[in-house]
Amino acid sequence: MFAAERRQLILEMVRANGAVSLRELARVVQTSEVTVRRDVRALEAEGLLDRRHGGAVLPGGFTRESGFPQKSHLATAEKTAIADLAAGFVEEGEAIVVGAGTTTQELARRLARVPGLTVVTNSLLVAQALAHANRVEVVMTGGTLRGSNYALVGSGAEQSLQGLRVSRAFLSGSGLTAERGLSTSNMLSASVDRALVQAAGEVVVLADHTKLGSDTMFQTVPTDVITRLVTDEPPAHDDRAATELQALADQGVQIAVASGSPVGQGPGQPGIDAAPPERRGPRRDVPLPGQRRSHPGGAAGAPQLRSAGSLADGPGGRVADLAPRRR
């Protein structure tokens, strides 16, 4: 394929999906990521798209939201690895909320094996993944169906969450930066996600490396409210992703990196656990030094979130050695 043909195909993919990873672009145009990165730079110089961490997005600074069919085929291996690791943070008998998204759908498939679990969700896809789990209770919010991501939104969804209290929330989104936190491209989705956060004692964000550094219109979770980020290993050449992860850690976010993702280091490399992921039993976080942050709303007795540091490796991944830098 000639360079002009490659670049035209790259443009068509970005216009159709809103955001595409370099790995996916390289697979479709059947060339190396190095060549694709060169093509993306050339297209950015012409103002036809914008580069992001490990991918390309529509120009204009804010990515638009892709529909479910497009998102379900993006970074599938990375989402699987993230879901495997995130499931290990859920304990038997817990009550949690799980937001809408393709990564949270992957998580839900793994939660079907957790006995005594109660899952509150506004996602039809999450509910469907848990529909036949006989030891998991699923509670759906009310609201109006938003067909593009099979989620319930609007005042009905938000009102049904009032007075609810669960241990933690698992959320995804369209973009994540240290400056603004988690964001999405749709106002109604953002509003429901904020209501989910208010119901939870702590917030776990699931985001693959292509979302790091991407900023979209509506903020859902400010950085100082995020307890933990579960992500995949960024490509070795992606210095910006590593910088973003360090910036998140500097602000107190615990970084859990899923091993075995195709863009990261392979098994046997330093810091990567080659063992297959398994769901673990009750979890106890190691107390870490650092500034405490109050739970949103300042409710008495609300969990206190601690700053990130070095934790022991967990099944299927590790909590990154990203202690806050000394200032």
Foldseek 3Di string as FASTA:
>chain_A
DDLVVLLVVLLVLQVQFQKAFLVVSCVVVVHDSVSSVVSQVVCVVVVQWADFQRIIGGDDQATAHGFPVSQLPGLVLFLLLLLLVVLQQDAAQFEEEEEFDNSSLSNLLVCLPRANYEYEYQAPSSCVSNVPSPRYHYHYFAADADRRGRGHWDPRRLVSLPPAAGAEYEYEEQAAFLQFGGFHADPRSLVNLLSSLVRHLAYEYEDELRRYPHDHDGGRDGLLRHQEYEYEAGAPPRVVSVVRVLSSLLSAYWYKYFAPRPRHDHPPDPQHDNDARDHDHDDDDDDDDDDWDAHPPNDPPRDIGGGYAADAQDGRTGGDHRHRDDD
